[in-house]
Amino acid sequence: MSSPFMLVNSEVVAGASAVEHGGAATMGATAAGTAAPATAILPPGAEEASAAAAAAFMARGAETQAMLAQLVAVRELFAQTMSTNAAAYAAVDGINHATLAL
């Protein structure tokens, strides 16, 4: 494998990366599906307090959607990093095996 101090199974890392890509896609789709209900709050009454409460809930919904977008981006970056590292470990492992075969 990679070295005597760290064993990396690149196939397992690549599989985990695929799972993370799927998780990011699911999170993105869920966030997109909840955007309208979370940010389009109608005031329950015509008075000022109802309008203020609805505005506060809409602002909180917008903040939540922004946070979810950041979480999806971070998860996607994590999955891409895992995928890149799996390929790099596999390449180095191949070089090591070729060198040992000489």
Protein backbone atom coordinates (compact mmCIF):
# COMPACT_ATOMS: atom_id res chain seq x y z
CA MET A 1 0.00 0.00 0.00
CA SER A 2 1.12 3.60 0.44
CA SER A 3 3.71 3.50 3.22
CA PRO A 4 4.49 1.47 6.31
CA PHE A 5 3.07 4.22 8.51
CA MET A 6 -0.17 4.97 6.69
CA LEU A 7 -2.28 2.52 4.77
CA VAL A 8 -4.79 4.04 2.36
CA ASN A 9 -7.21 2.02 0.30
CA SER A 10 -7.87 4.38 -2.60
CA GLU A 11 -10.94 2.41 -3.73
CA VAL A 12 -12.57 2.88 -0.33
CA VAL A 13 -11.75 6.60 -0.33
CA ALA A 14 -13.16 6.95 -3.86
CA GLY A 15 -16.33 5.15 -2.76
CA ALA A 16 -16.69 7.44 0.24
CA SER A 17 -16.22 10.40 -2.07
CA ALA A 18 -19.09 9.19 -4.25
CA VAL A 19 -21.30 8.89 -1.16
CA GLU A 20 -20.38 12.45 -0.14
CA HIS A 21 -21.15 13.75 -3.66
CA GLY A 22 -24.57 12.11 -3.39
CA GLY A 23 -25.12 13.58 0.04
CA ALA A 24 -24.25 17.06 -1.21
CA ALA A 25 -26.69 16.66 -4.10
CA THR A 26 -29.44 15.54 -1.73
CA MET A 27 -28.76 18.46 0.62
CA GLY A 28 -28.83 20.89 -2.31
CA ALA A 29 -32.12 19.53 -3.61
CA THR A 30 -33.67 19.62 -0.15
CA ALA A 31 -32.52 23.19 0.42
CA ALA A 32 -33.93 24.24 -2.94
CA GLY A 33 -37.25 22.59 -2.14
CA THR A 34 -37.58 24.38 1.18
CA ALA A 35 -36.54 27.83 -0.04
CA ALA A 36 -40.02 29.12 -0.89
CA PRO A 37 -41.84 27.83 2.21
CA ALA A 38 -39.07 29.09 4.50
CA THR A 39 -38.91 32.60 3.06
CA ALA A 40 -42.49 33.34 1.97
CA ILE A 41 -44.31 33.85 5.27
CA LEU A 42 -47.61 35.69 5.20
CA PRO A 43 -48.58 37.77 8.23
CA PRO A 44 -51.46 36.16 10.15
CA GLY A 45 -53.18 39.51 10.65
CA ALA A 46 -53.24 43.05 9.36
CA GLU A 47 -51.70 44.69 12.45
CA GLU A 48 -48.09 45.83 12.71
CA ALA A 49 -47.07 43.08 15.10
CA SER A 50 -48.15 40.37 12.64
CA ALA A 51 -46.23 42.04 9.81
CA ALA A 52 -43.14 42.36 12.02
CA ALA A 53 -43.35 38.72 13.09
CA ALA A 54 -43.73 37.57 9.48
CA ALA A 55 -40.76 39.73 8.44
CA ALA A 56 -38.65 38.25 11.24
CA PHE A 57 -39.55 34.70 10.18
CA MET A 58 -38.76 35.52 6.54
CA ALA A 59 -35.37 36.95 7.53
CA ARG A 60 -34.62 33.85 9.59
CA GLY A 61 -35.64 31.65 6.66
CA ALA A 62 -33.30 33.56 4.34
CA GLU A 63 -30.43 33.16 6.83
CA THR A 64 -31.14 29.44 7.07
CA GLN A 65 -31.13 29.08 3.28
CA ALA A 66 -27.80 30.91 3.06
CA MET A 67 -26.33 28.64 5.73
CA LEU A 68 -27.60 25.54 3.92
CA ALA A 69 -26.00 26.75 0.69
CA GLN A 70 -22.67 27.10 2.49
CA LEU A 71 -23.01 23.61 4.01
CA VAL A 72 -23.72 22.11 0.59
CA ALA A 73 -20.66 23.88 -0.86
CA VAL A 74 -18.42 22.65 1.98
CA ARG A 75 -19.67 19.08 1.62
CA GLU A 76 -19.06 19.19 -2.14
CA LEU A 77 -15.54 20.54 -1.60
CA PHE A 78 -14.89 17.75 0.91
CA ALA A 79 -16.07 15.15 -1.60
CA GLN A 80 -13.88 16.64 -4.34
CA THR A 81 -10.87 16.65 -2.02
CA MET A 82 -11.44 13.00 -1.12
CA SER A 83 -11.74 12.07 -4.80
CA THR A 84 -8.56 13.94 -5.74
CA ASN A 85 -6.64 12.40 -2.86
CA ALA A 86 -7.84 8.89 -3.73
CA ALA A 87 -6.52 9.34 -7.28
CA ALA A 88 -3.22 10.70 -5.96
CA TYR A 89 -2.77 7.80 -3.53
CA ALA A 90 -3.55 5.32 -6.30
CA ALA A 91 -0.99 6.98 -8.61
CA VAL A 92 1.73 6.97 -5.96
CA ASP A 93 0.91 3.39 -5.08
CA GLY A 94 1.30 2.43 -8.73
CA ILE A 95 4.65 4.18 -8.92
CA ASN A 96 5.81 2.42 -5.77
CA HIS A 97 4.79 -0.99 -7.12
CA ALA A 98 6.49 -0.28 -10.45
CA THR A 99 9.67 0.80 -8.65
CA LEU A 100 9.67 -2.33 -6.48
CA ALA A 101 9.20 -4.52 -9.55
CA LEU A 102 12.49 -3.32 -11.05
